[in-house]
Protein backbone atom coordinates (compact mmCIF):
# COMPACT_ATOMS: atom_id res chain seq x y z
CA MET A 1 -183.50 86.28 109.72
CA SER A 2 -183.47 87.19 113.42
CA THR A 3 -180.54 84.82 114.02
CA VAL A 4 -178.46 86.73 111.48
CA ALA A 5 -179.36 90.03 113.11
CA THR A 6 -178.56 88.90 116.65
CA TRP A 7 -175.30 86.96 116.24
CA PRO A 8 -173.10 90.08 115.84
CA SER A 9 -174.46 91.60 119.04
CA ALA A 10 -174.13 88.25 120.81
CA ALA A 11 -170.51 87.99 119.66
CA GLU A 12 -169.87 91.58 120.77
CA THR A 13 -171.32 90.87 124.21
CA TRP A 14 -169.33 87.65 124.50
CA LEU A 15 -166.08 89.47 123.64
CA ASP A 16 -166.92 92.38 125.97
CA GLN A 17 -167.38 89.96 128.86
CA ARG A 18 -163.89 88.59 128.27
CA GLY A 19 -162.22 92.00 127.96
CA LYS A 20 -159.86 93.76 125.61
CA GLY A 21 -157.62 90.70 125.28
CA ALA A 22 -160.43 88.74 123.65
CA TRP A 23 -161.01 91.55 121.14
CA ILE A 24 -157.31 91.62 120.27
CA ALA A 25 -157.19 87.82 119.95
CA ALA A 26 -160.24 87.89 117.64
CA MET A 27 -158.61 90.59 115.54
CA VAL A 28 -155.31 88.66 115.26
CA LEU A 29 -157.17 85.48 114.29
CA GLY A 30 -159.13 87.49 111.75
CA PHE A 31 -155.86 88.68 110.19
CA ILE A 32 -154.45 85.15 110.16
CA PHE A 33 -157.44 83.42 108.56
CA PHE A 34 -158.87 86.17 106.33
CA TRP A 35 -157.22 89.60 106.50
CA PRO A 36 -160.35 91.69 105.71
CA VAL A 37 -162.02 90.29 108.84
CA GLY A 38 -159.04 91.34 110.96
CA LEU A 39 -159.04 94.76 109.34
CA ALA A 40 -162.77 95.14 109.94
CA LEU A 41 -162.35 94.17 113.61
CA LEU A 42 -159.47 96.65 113.99
CA ALA A 43 -161.57 99.43 112.45
CA TYR A 44 -164.52 98.58 114.69
CA MET A 45 -162.31 98.48 117.80
CA ILE A 46 -160.91 101.92 116.99
CA TRP A 47 -164.31 103.38 116.02
CA SER A 48 -166.01 102.09 119.17
CA LYS A 49 -162.98 103.12 121.29
CA ARG A 50 -162.50 99.56 122.54
CA MET A 51 -158.76 99.91 121.87
CA PHE A 52 -158.44 102.74 124.36
CA LYS A 53 -160.73 101.75 127.26
CA SER A 54 -161.83 98.66 129.04
CA CYS A 55 -164.82 97.22 127.20
CA GLY A 56 -167.22 96.95 130.11
CA HIS A 57 -166.51 100.48 131.42
CA ARG A 58 -168.06 102.12 128.36
CA ALA A 59 -171.39 100.37 128.79
CA ARG A 60 -171.58 100.91 132.56
CA HIS A 61 -170.71 104.60 132.34
CA ALA A 62 -173.29 105.28 129.66
CA THR A 63 -176.21 103.81 131.59
CA HIS A 64 -175.06 104.49 135.17
CA THR A 65 -176.03 101.08 136.33
CA PHE A 66 -174.12 100.01 139.35
CA LYS A 67 -174.48 97.20 141.77
CA SER A 68 -176.61 98.12 144.74
CA SER A 69 -174.77 98.28 148.03
CA GLY A 70 -177.90 97.25 149.90
CA ASN A 71 -178.11 100.67 151.56
CA SER A 72 -180.67 102.79 149.71
CA ALA A 73 -179.46 106.06 151.26
CA PHE A 74 -175.89 105.39 150.11
CA ASP A 75 -177.08 104.33 146.65
CA ALA A 76 -179.08 107.58 146.33
CA TYR A 77 -176.06 109.60 147.48
CA LYS A 78 -173.83 107.77 145.00
CA ALA A 79 -176.24 108.36 142.11
CA ASP A 80 -176.58 112.04 143.02
CA THR A 81 -172.81 112.45 143.29
CA LEU A 82 -172.23 110.81 139.91
CA ARG A 83 -174.86 113.05 138.33
CA ARG A 84 -173.30 116.14 139.90
CA LEU A 85 -169.81 115.14 138.76
CA GLU A 86 -171.05 114.66 135.22
CA GLU A 87 -172.65 118.11 135.27
CA GLU A 88 -169.38 119.60 136.54
CA GLN A 89 -167.46 117.76 133.82
CA ASP A 90 -169.83 119.08 131.16
CA SER A 91 -169.51 122.61 132.56
CA PHE A 92 -165.72 122.33 132.57
CA GLN A 93 -165.70 121.07 128.98
CA GLU A 94 -167.84 124.06 127.96
CA PHE A 95 -165.46 126.38 129.84
CA LEU A 96 -162.47 124.90 128.00
CA LYS A 97 -164.27 125.33 124.68
CA ARG A 98 -165.01 129.00 125.45
CA LEU A 99 -161.38 129.47 126.51
CA ARG A 100 -160.09 127.93 123.26
CA ASP A 101 -162.54 130.02 121.21
CA ALA A 102 -161.42 133.22 122.98
CA LYS A 103 -157.75 132.35 122.40
CA ASP A 104 -158.42 131.61 118.72
CA LYS A 105 -160.27 134.92 118.34
CA ALA A 106 -157.45 136.87 120.04
CA GLU A 107 -154.86 135.21 117.78
CA PHE A 108 -156.95 135.92 114.69
CA ASP A 109 -157.48 139.55 115.71
CA GLN A 110 -153.72 139.90 116.26
CA PHE A 111 -153.06 138.39 112.85
CA MET A 112 -155.50 140.77 111.17
CA GLU A 113 -153.96 143.74 113.00
CA ASP A 114 -150.42 142.70 111.98
CA ARG A 115 -151.60 142.16 108.42
CA SER A 116 -153.22 145.56 108.19
CA ARG A 117 -150.09 147.23 109.62
CA GLY A 118 -147.93 145.30 107.17
CA ALA A 119 -150.13 146.22 104.23
CA GLY A 120 -150.00 149.90 105.15
CA SER A 121 -146.19 150.01 105.40
CA SER A 122 -145.58 148.03 102.21
CA ALA A 123 -147.69 150.32 100.03
CA PRO A 124 -145.75 151.53 96.99
CA GLN A 125 -144.31 155.01 97.41
CA ASP A 126 -143.85 157.52 94.57
CA ALA A 127 -140.18 158.45 94.28
């Protein structure tokens, strides 16, 4: 039972170590031998964003593990800088979201104002 549960993650790790080309080769072979396997691999590659990034980068970025330079002061500086850059990126993403929300609200308010002006001028007149 444990062998069945671990072979997919072992295959994923093996393919990740060999890069995006290995994933694409596995997908093509899947299409050649049994098309649902190729389709499943394509869906997984898109869902896990392996089609758009290098495979190893995703795992390293998520855990912030990096090879030690041997200089503990530099490693601490590097870790602090990466943390600070991530905080700045998160802040910038929030800023962009607020900016988009404000633009959407302004456009909606303009639409409602134009609509109310249009409704007032198109009211039937007694002649």
